[in-house]
Amino acid sequence: MTYSAVGALLEIEETIQPDALPPAVTDAIKKAHPKATVTEAEKTLKPDGSVSGYEVEIKDGDKELEIHLDANGKIIKTKASED
């Protein structure tokens, strides 16, 4: 969970199984990284419980990447995974 400086809940991250990702998210990952394997997945929720996006860790050859996607599967950010 992420809170503001005054203690208000801003965001909840919930670990999910990679096969629980919605098709739009898996399609976007496959399009950007066709040979990648999803190793970890998180669903990001707003304080009201609605989905705001997803954070996915993938292994693509020798690279490990973290991909942030919005609720519709649009890739917002990709960075090297921090282990």
PDB file of N, CA and C in Angstrom:
ATOM      1  N   MET A   1       0.835  -1.173   0.000  1.00  0.00           N
ATOM      2  CA  MET A   1       0.000   0.000   0.000  1.00  0.00           C
ATOM      3  C   MET A   1       0.881   1.237   0.000  1.00  0.00           C
ATOM      4  N   THR A   2       0.403   2.256  -0.670  1.00  0.00           N
ATOM      5  CA  THR A   2       1.111   3.525  -0.716  1.00  0.00           C
ATOM      6  C   THR A   2       0.217   4.591  -0.092  1.00  0.00           C
ATOM      7  N   TYR A   3       0.793   5.361   0.834  1.00  0.00           N
ATOM      8  CA  TYR A   3       0.049   6.414   1.525  1.00  0.00           C
ATOM      9  C   TYR A   3       0.681   7.767   1.234  1.00  0.00           C
ATOM     10  N   SER A   4      -0.138   8.826   1.310  1.00  0.00           N
ATOM     11  CA  SER A   4       0.371  10.192   1.164  1.00  0.00           C
ATOM     12  C   SER A   4       1.050  10.605   2.466  1.00  0.00           C
ATOM     13  N   ALA A   5       1.670  11.768   2.470  1.00  0.00           N
ATOM     14  CA  ALA A   5       2.362  12.268   3.656  1.00  0.00           C
ATOM     15  C   ALA A   5       1.405  12.491   4.830  1.00  0.00           C
ATOM     16  N   VAL A   6       0.125  12.696   4.528  1.00  0.00           N
ATOM     17  CA  VAL A   6      -0.857  12.920   5.592  1.00  0.00           C
ATOM     18  C   VAL A   6      -1.624  11.652   5.958  1.00  0.00           C
ATOM     19  N   GLY A   7      -1.205  10.514   5.382  1.00  0.00           N
ATOM     20  CA  GLY A   7      -1.792   9.233   5.753  1.00  0.00           C
ATOM     21  C   GLY A   7      -2.961   8.760   4.917  1.00  0.00           C
ATOM     22  N   ALA A   8      -3.271   9.439   3.830  1.00  0.00           N
ATOM     23  CA  ALA A   8      -4.368   9.008   2.961  1.00  0.00           C
ATOM     24  C   ALA A   8      -3.888   7.878   2.046  1.00  0.00           C
ATOM     25  N   LEU A   9      -4.711   6.852   1.903  1.00  0.00           N
ATOM     26  CA  LEU A   9      -4.377   5.732   1.027  1.00  0.00           C
ATOM     27  C   LEU A   9      -4.393   6.194  -0.426  1.00  0.00           C
ATOM     28  N   LEU A  10      -3.292   5.956  -1.145  1.00  0.00           N
ATOM     29  CA  LEU A  10      -3.188   6.368  -2.542  1.00  0.00           C
ATOM     30  C   LEU A  10      -3.305   5.195  -3.505  1.00  0.00           C
ATOM     31  N   GLU A  11      -2.740   4.048  -3.117  1.00  0.00           N
ATOM     32  CA  GLU A  11      -2.637   2.932  -4.049  1.00  0.00           C
ATOM     33  C   GLU A  11      -2.424   1.627  -3.288  1.00  0.00           C
ATOM     34  N   ILE A  12      -2.981   0.558  -3.842  1.00  0.00           N
ATOM     35  CA  ILE A  12      -2.794  -0.782  -3.291  1.00  0.00           C
ATOM     36  C   ILE A  12      -2.197  -1.652  -4.391  1.00  0.00           C
ATOM     37  N   GLU A  13      -1.149  -2.401  -4.090  1.00  0.00           N
ATOM     38  CA  GLU A  13      -0.570  -3.349  -5.038  1.00  0.00           C
ATOM     39  C   GLU A  13      -0.882  -4.753  -4.557  1.00  0.00           C
ATOM     40  N   GLU A  14      -1.458  -5.559  -5.439  1.00  0.00           N
ATOM     41  CA  GLU A  14      -1.860  -6.917  -5.098  1.00  0.00           C
ATOM     42  C   GLU A  14      -1.165  -7.897  -6.036  1.00  0.00           C
ATOM     43  N   THR A  15      -0.410  -8.830  -5.475  1.00  0.00           N
ATOM     44  CA  THR A  15       0.271  -9.838  -6.283  1.00  0.00           C
ATOM     45  C   THR A  15      -0.770 -10.782  -6.882  1.00  0.00           C
ATOM     46  N   ILE A  16      -0.631 -11.041  -8.184  1.00  0.00           N
ATOM     47  CA  ILE A  16      -1.533 -11.962  -8.873  1.00  0.00           C
ATOM     48  C   ILE A  16      -0.699 -12.956  -9.675  1.00  0.00           C
ATOM     49  N   GLN A  17      -1.315 -14.046 -10.064  1.00  0.00           N
ATOM     50  CA  GLN A  17      -0.646 -15.021 -10.923  1.00  0.00           C
ATOM     51  C   GLN A  17      -0.547 -14.433 -12.337  1.00  0.00           C
ATOM     52  N   PRO A  18       0.558 -14.656 -13.033  1.00  0.00           N
ATOM     53  CA  PRO A  18       0.687 -14.144 -14.398  1.00  0.00           C
ATOM     54  C   PRO A  18      -0.465 -14.552 -15.316  1.00  0.00           C
ATOM     55  N   ASP A  19      -1.022 -15.752 -15.118  1.00  0.00           N
ATOM     56  CA  ASP A  19      -2.120 -16.177 -15.985  1.00  0.00           C
ATOM     57  C   ASP A  19      -3.444 -15.481 -15.646  1.00  0.00           C
ATOM     58  N   ALA A  20      -3.458 -14.663 -14.582  1.00  0.00           N
ATOM     59  CA  ALA A  20      -4.644 -13.891 -14.220  1.00  0.00           C
ATOM     60  C   ALA A  20      -4.646 -12.500 -14.853  1.00  0.00           C
ATOM     61  N   LEU A  21      -3.585 -12.166 -15.592  1.00  0.00           N
ATOM     62  CA  LEU A  21      -3.536 -10.871 -16.281  1.00  0.00           C
ATOM     63  C   LEU A  21      -4.604 -10.834 -17.371  1.00  0.00           C
ATOM     64  N   PRO A  22      -5.232  -9.680 -17.562  1.00  0.00           N
ATOM     65  CA  PRO A  22      -6.238  -9.588 -18.619  1.00  0.00           C
ATOM     66  C   PRO A  22      -5.608  -9.718 -20.006  1.00  0.00           C
ATOM     67  N   PRO A  23      -6.379 -10.165 -20.992  1.00  0.00           N
ATOM     68  CA  PRO A  23      -5.848 -10.356 -22.352  1.00  0.00           C
ATOM     69  C   PRO A  23      -5.186  -9.107 -22.936  1.00  0.00           C
ATOM     70  N   ALA A  24      -5.717  -7.930 -22.681  1.00  0.00           N
ATOM     71  CA  ALA A  24      -5.116  -6.704 -23.234  1.00  0.00           C
ATOM     72  C   ALA A  24      -3.698  -6.504 -22.721  1.00  0.00           C
ATOM     73  N   VAL A  25      -3.462  -6.866 -21.470  1.00  0.00           N
ATOM     74  CA  VAL A  25      -2.133  -6.723 -20.876  1.00  0.00           C
ATOM     75  C   VAL A  25      -1.177  -7.765 -21.462  1.00  0.00           C
ATOM     76  N   THR A  26      -1.607  -9.024 -21.517  1.00  0.00           N
ATOM     77  CA  THR A  26      -0.726 -10.057 -22.065  1.00  0.00           C
ATOM     78  C   THR A  26      -0.456  -9.814 -23.544  1.00  0.00           C
ATOM     79  N   ASP A  27      -1.450  -9.320 -24.281  1.00  0.00           N
ATOM     80  CA  ASP A  27      -1.237  -9.015 -25.707  1.00  0.00           C
ATOM     81  C   ASP A  27      -0.205  -7.912 -25.890  1.00  0.00           C
ATOM     82  N   ALA A  28      -0.268  -6.868 -25.058  1.00  0.00           N
ATOM     83  CA  ALA A  28       0.698  -5.762 -25.155  1.00  0.00           C
ATOM     84  C   ALA A  28       2.111  -6.247 -24.844  1.00  0.00           C
ATOM     85  N   ILE A  29       2.244  -7.123 -23.847  1.00  0.00           N
ATOM     86  CA  ILE A  29       3.559  -7.657 -23.494  1.00  0.00           C
ATOM     87  C   ILE A  29       4.097  -8.518 -24.632  1.00  0.00           C
ATOM     88  N   LYS A  30       3.249  -9.390 -25.185  1.00  0.00           N
ATOM     89  CA  LYS A  30       3.679 -10.260 -26.289  1.00  0.00           C
ATOM     90  C   LYS A  30       4.066  -9.460 -27.525  1.00  0.00           C
ATOM     91  N   LYS A  31       3.352  -8.354 -27.764  1.00  0.00           N
ATOM     92  CA  LYS A  31       3.659  -7.521 -28.931  1.00  0.00           C
ATOM     93  C   LYS A  31       5.018  -6.826 -28.756  1.00  0.00           C
ATOM     94  N   ALA A  32       5.275  -6.317 -27.561  1.00  0.00           N
ATOM     95  CA  ALA A  32       6.527  -5.598 -27.296  1.00  0.00           C
ATOM     96  C   ALA A  32       7.712  -6.531 -27.064  1.00  0.00           C
ATOM     97  N   HIS A  33       7.439  -7.708 -26.502  1.00  0.00           N
ATOM     98  CA  HIS A  33       8.499  -8.663 -26.148  1.00  0.00           C
ATOM     99  C   HIS A  33       8.008 -10.073 -26.476  1.00  0.00           C
ATOM    100  N   PRO A  34       7.996 -10.438 -27.757  1.00  0.00           N
ATOM    101  CA  PRO A  34       7.389 -11.701 -28.190  1.00  0.00           C
ATOM    102  C   PRO A  34       7.937 -12.964 -27.535  1.00  0.00           C
ATOM    103  N   LYS A  35       9.202 -12.969 -27.152  1.00  0.00           N
ATOM    104  CA  LYS A  35       9.804 -14.186 -26.592  1.00  0.00           C
ATOM    105  C   LYS A  35       9.935 -14.150 -25.073  1.00  0.00           C
ATOM    106  N   ALA A  36       9.342 -13.142 -24.445  1.00  0.00           N
ATOM    107  CA  ALA A  36       9.484 -12.967 -23.002  1.00  0.00           C
ATOM    108  C   ALA A  36       8.569 -13.898 -22.213  1.00  0.00           C
ATOM    109  N   THR A  37       8.988 -14.152 -20.984  1.00  0.00           N
ATOM    110  CA  THR A  37       8.200 -14.924 -20.032  1.00  0.00           C
ATOM    111  C   THR A  37       7.879 -14.024 -18.848  1.00  0.00           C
ATOM    112  N   VAL A  38       6.612 -13.974 -18.449  1.00  0.00           N
ATOM    113  CA  VAL A  38       6.216 -13.191 -17.276  1.00  0.00           C
ATOM    114  C   VAL A  38       6.608 -13.979 -16.030  1.00  0.00           C
ATOM    115  N   THR A  39       7.399 -13.343 -15.157  1.00  0.00           N
ATOM    116  CA  THR A  39       7.853 -14.018 -13.948  1.00  0.00           C
ATOM    117  C   THR A  39       7.085 -13.562 -12.707  1.00  0.00           C
ATOM    118  N   GLU A  40       6.592 -12.330 -12.700  1.00  0.00           N
ATOM    119  CA  GLU A  40       5.811 -11.804 -11.582  1.00  0.00           C
ATOM    120  C   GLU A  40       4.802 -10.808 -12.114  1.00  0.00           C
ATOM    121  N   ALA A  41       3.664 -10.696 -11.414  1.00  0.00           N
ATOM    122  CA  ALA A  41       2.635  -9.742 -11.820  1.00  0.00           C
ATOM    123  C   ALA A  41       1.960  -9.157 -10.589  1.00  0.00           C
ATOM    124  N   GLU A  42       1.643  -7.860 -10.682  1.00  0.00           N
ATOM    125  CA  GLU A  42       0.907  -7.174  -9.635  1.00  0.00           C
ATOM    126  C   GLU A  42      -0.192  -6.347 -10.268  1.00  0.00           C
ATOM    127  N   LYS A  43      -1.327  -6.311  -9.588  1.00  0.00           N
ATOM    128  CA  LYS A  43      -2.439  -5.458  -9.989  1.00  0.00           C
ATOM    129  C   LYS A  43      -2.398  -4.239  -9.082  1.00  0.00           C
ATOM    130  N   THR A  44      -2.490  -3.043  -9.653  1.00  0.00           N
ATOM    131  CA  THR A  44      -2.483  -1.810  -8.881  1.00  0.00           C
ATOM    132  C   THR A  44      -3.913  -1.296  -8.789  1.00  0.00           C
ATOM    133  N   LEU A  45      -4.344  -1.060  -7.559  1.00  0.00           N
ATOM    134  CA  LEU A  45      -5.716  -0.636  -7.319  1.00  0.00           C
ATOM    135  C   LEU A  45      -5.769   0.774  -6.742  1.00  0.00           C
ATOM    136  N   LYS A  46      -6.813   1.510  -7.109  1.00  0.00           N
ATOM    137  CA  LYS A  46      -7.089   2.814  -6.509  1.00  0.00           C
ATOM    138  C   LYS A  46      -7.714   2.560  -5.135  1.00  0.00           C
ATOM    139  N   PRO A  47      -7.776   3.580  -4.283  1.00  0.00           N
ATOM    140  CA  PRO A  47      -8.378   3.385  -2.955  1.00  0.00           C
ATOM    141  C   PRO A  47      -9.821   2.852  -3.003  1.00  0.00           C
ATOM    142  N   ASP A  48     -10.559   3.134  -4.082  1.00  0.00           N
ATOM    143  CA  ASP A  48     -11.944   2.644  -4.184  1.00  0.00           C
ATOM    144  C   ASP A  48     -12.014   1.192  -4.656  1.00  0.00           C
ATOM    145  N   GLY A  49     -10.843   0.578  -4.923  1.00  0.00           N
ATOM    146  CA  GLY A  49     -10.799  -0.818  -5.342  1.00  0.00           C
ATOM    147  C   GLY A  49     -10.790  -1.036  -6.836  1.00  0.00           C
ATOM    148  N   SER A  50     -10.920   0.029  -7.625  1.00  0.00           N
ATOM    149  CA  SER A  50     -10.878  -0.131  -9.078  1.00  0.00           C
ATOM    150  C   SER A  50      -9.428  -0.283  -9.544  1.00  0.00           C
ATOM    151  N   VAL A  51      -9.245  -1.003 -10.631  1.00  0.00           N
ATOM    152  CA  VAL A  51      -7.903  -1.268 -11.163  1.00  0.00           C
ATOM    153  C   VAL A  51      -7.376  -0.022 -11.869  1.00  0.00           C
ATOM    154  N   SER A  52      -6.164   0.387 -11.494  1.00  0.00           N
ATOM    155  CA  SER A  52      -5.534   1.523 -12.164  1.00  0.00           C
ATOM    156  C   SER A  52      -4.431   1.067 -13.115  1.00  0.00           C
ATOM    157  N   GLY A  53      -3.941  -0.163 -12.942  1.00  0.00           N
ATOM    158  CA  GLY A  53      -2.901  -0.648 -13.836  1.00  0.00           C
ATOM    159  C   GLY A  53      -2.271  -1.933 -13.342  1.00  0.00           C
ATOM    160  N   TYR A  54      -1.162  -2.286 -13.994  1.00  0.00           N
ATOM    161  CA  TYR A  54      -0.456  -3.528 -13.694  1.00  0.00           C
ATOM    162  C   TYR A  54       1.041  -3.277 -13.726  1.00  0.00           C
ATOM    163  N   GLU A  55       1.778  -4.004 -12.892  1.00  0.00           N
ATOM    164  CA  GLU A  55       3.235  -4.017 -12.921  1.00  0.00           C
ATOM    165  C   GLU A  55       3.641  -5.466 -13.151  1.00  0.00           C
ATOM    166  N   VAL A  56       4.442  -5.675 -14.187  1.00  0.00           N
ATOM    167  CA  VAL A  56       4.807  -7.027 -14.586  1.00  0.00           C
ATOM    168  C   VAL A  56       6.317  -7.117 -14.718  1.00  0.00           C
ATOM    169  N   GLU A  57       6.894  -8.190 -14.195  1.00  0.00           N
ATOM    170  CA  GLU A  57       8.312  -8.463 -14.400  1.00  0.00           C
ATOM    171  C   GLU A  57       8.418  -9.583 -15.413  1.00  0.00           C
ATOM    172  N   ILE A  58       9.306  -9.374 -16.398  1.00  0.00           N
ATOM    173  CA  ILE A  58       9.490 -10.373 -17.452  1.00  0.00           C
ATOM    174  C   ILE A  58      10.959 -10.726 -17.584  1.00  0.00           C
ATOM    175  N   LYS A  59      11.190 -11.888 -18.160  1.00  0.00           N
ATOM    176  CA  LYS A  59      12.540 -12.299 -18.546  1.00  0.00           C
ATOM    177  C   LYS A  59      12.500 -12.446 -20.055  1.00  0.00           C
ATOM    178  N   ASP A  60      13.323 -11.651 -20.731  1.00  0.00           N
ATOM    179  CA  ASP A  60      13.389 -11.642 -22.187  1.00  0.00           C
ATOM    180  C   ASP A  60      14.833 -11.919 -22.583  1.00  0.00           C
ATOM    181  N   GLY A  61      15.134 -13.193 -22.817  1.00  0.00           N
ATOM    182  CA  GLY A  61      16.519 -13.581 -23.083  1.00  0.00           C
ATOM    183  C   GLY A  61      17.335 -13.380 -21.823  1.00  0.00           C
ATOM    184  N   ASP A  62      18.406 -12.584 -21.920  1.00  0.00           N
ATOM    185  CA  ASP A  62      19.257 -12.299 -20.766  1.00  0.00           C
ATOM    186  C   ASP A  62      18.758 -11.107 -19.951  1.00  0.00           C
ATOM    187  N   LYS A  63      17.747 -10.402 -20.469  1.00  0.00           N
ATOM    188  CA  LYS A  63      17.255  -9.192 -19.805  1.00  0.00           C
ATOM    189  C   LYS A  63      16.088  -9.502 -18.881  1.00  0.00           C
ATOM    190  N   GLU A  64      16.078  -8.829 -17.729  1.00  0.00           N
ATOM    191  CA  GLU A  64      14.940  -8.857 -16.831  1.00  0.00           C
ATOM    192  C   GLU A  64      14.399  -7.433 -16.786  1.00  0.00           C
ATOM    193  N   LEU A  65      13.123  -7.285 -17.126  1.00  0.00           N
ATOM    194  CA  LEU A  65      12.510  -5.967 -17.227  1.00  0.00           C
ATOM    195  C   LEU A  65      11.279  -5.873 -16.350  1.00  0.00           C
ATOM    196  N   GLU A  66      10.976  -4.648 -15.935  1.00  0.00           N
ATOM    197  CA  GLU A  66       9.743  -4.353 -15.230  1.00  0.00           C
ATOM    198  C   GLU A  66       8.917  -3.460 -16.144  1.00  0.00           C
ATOM    199  N   ILE A  67       7.683  -3.859 -16.393  1.00  0.00           N
ATOM    200  CA  ILE A  67       6.809  -3.114 -17.291  1.00  0.00           C
ATOM    201  C   ILE A  67       5.605  -2.621 -16.505  1.00  0.00           C
ATOM    202  N   HIS A  68       5.304  -1.334 -16.649  1.00  0.00           N
ATOM    203  CA  HIS A  68       4.121  -0.739 -16.036  1.00  0.00           C
ATOM    204  C   HIS A  68       3.106  -0.509 -17.147  1.00  0.00           C
ATOM    205  N   LEU A  69       1.883  -0.984 -16.940  1.00  0.00           N
ATOM    206  CA  LEU A  69       0.822  -0.849 -17.930  1.00  0.00           C
ATOM    207  C   LEU A  69      -0.405  -0.229 -17.275  1.00  0.00           C
ATOM    208  N   ASP A  70      -1.207   0.495 -18.071  1.00  0.00           N
ATOM    209  CA  ASP A  70      -2.448   1.014 -17.521  1.00  0.00           C
ATOM    210  C   ASP A  70      -3.499  -0.087 -17.523  1.00  0.00           C
ATOM    211  N   ALA A  71      -4.694   0.213 -17.050  1.00  0.00           N
ATOM    212  CA  ALA A  71      -5.752  -0.792 -16.917  1.00  0.00           C
ATOM    213  C   ALA A  71      -6.202  -1.355 -18.262  1.00  0.00           C
ATOM    214  N   ASN A  72      -5.922  -0.628 -19.359  1.00  0.00           N
ATOM    215  CA  ASN A  72      -6.314  -1.065 -20.696  1.00  0.00           C
ATOM    216  C   ASN A  72      -5.202  -1.806 -21.434  1.00  0.00           C
ATOM    217  N   GLY A  73      -4.060  -1.984 -20.795  1.00  0.00           N
ATOM    218  CA  GLY A  73      -2.957  -2.721 -21.408  1.00  0.00           C
ATOM    219  C   GLY A  73      -1.951  -1.870 -22.155  1.00  0.00           C
ATOM    220  N   LYS A  74      -2.058  -0.555 -22.067  1.00  0.00           N
ATOM    221  CA  LYS A  74      -1.078   0.319 -22.717  1.00  0.00           C
ATOM    222  C   LYS A  74       0.182   0.390 -21.864  1.00  0.00           C
ATOM    223  N   ILE A  75       1.337   0.136 -22.482  1.00  0.00           N
ATOM    224  CA  ILE A  75       2.608   0.191 -21.766  1.00  0.00           C
ATOM    225  C   ILE A  75       2.931   1.647 -21.462  1.00  0.00           C
ATOM    226  N   ILE A  76       3.131   1.916 -20.182  1.00  0.00           N
ATOM    227  CA  ILE A  76       3.437   3.274 -19.708  1.00  0.00           C
ATOM    228  C   ILE A  76       4.937   3.457 -19.548  1.00  0.00           C
ATOM    229  N   LYS A  77       5.591   2.418 -18.987  1.00  0.00           N
ATOM    230  CA  LYS A  77       7.023   2.533 -18.703  1.00  0.00           C
ATOM    231  C   LYS A  77       7.632   1.146 -18.693  1.00  0.00           C
ATOM    232  N   THR A  78       8.855   1.056 -19.206  1.00  0.00           N
ATOM    233  CA  THR A  78       9.636  -0.175 -19.145  1.00  0.00           C
ATOM    234  C   THR A  78      11.013   0.176 -18.597  1.00  0.00           C
ATOM    235  N   LYS A  79      11.470  -0.593 -17.618  1.00  0.00           N
ATOM    236  CA  LYS A  79      12.800  -0.335 -17.055  1.00  0.00           C
ATOM    237  C   LYS A  79      13.451  -1.650 -16.683  1.00  0.00           C
ATOM    238  N   ALA A  80      14.753  -1.608 -16.491  1.00  0.00           N
ATOM    239  CA  ALA A  80      15.485  -2.797 -16.049  1.00  0.00           C
ATOM    240  C   ALA A  80      14.984  -3.168 -14.658  1.00  0.00           C
ATOM    241  N   SER A  81      14.751  -4.435 -14.457  1.00  0.00           N
ATOM    242  CA  SER A  81      14.240  -4.931 -13.172  1.00  0.00           C
ATOM    243  C   SER A  81      15.294  -4.757 -12.095  1.00  0.00           C
ATOM    244  N   GLU A  82      14.857  -4.350 -10.908  1.00  0.00           N
ATOM    245  CA  GLU A  82      15.758  -4.175  -9.776  1.00  0.00           C
ATOM    246  C   GLU A  82      15.588  -5.363  -8.847  1.00  0.00           C
ATOM    247  N   ASP A  83      16.564  -6.240  -8.835  1.00  0.00           N
ATOM    248  CA  ASP A  83      16.488  -7.409  -7.949  1.00  0.00           C
ATOM    249  C   ASP A  83      17.099  -7.125  -6.611  1.00  0.00           C
TER     250      ASP A  83
END
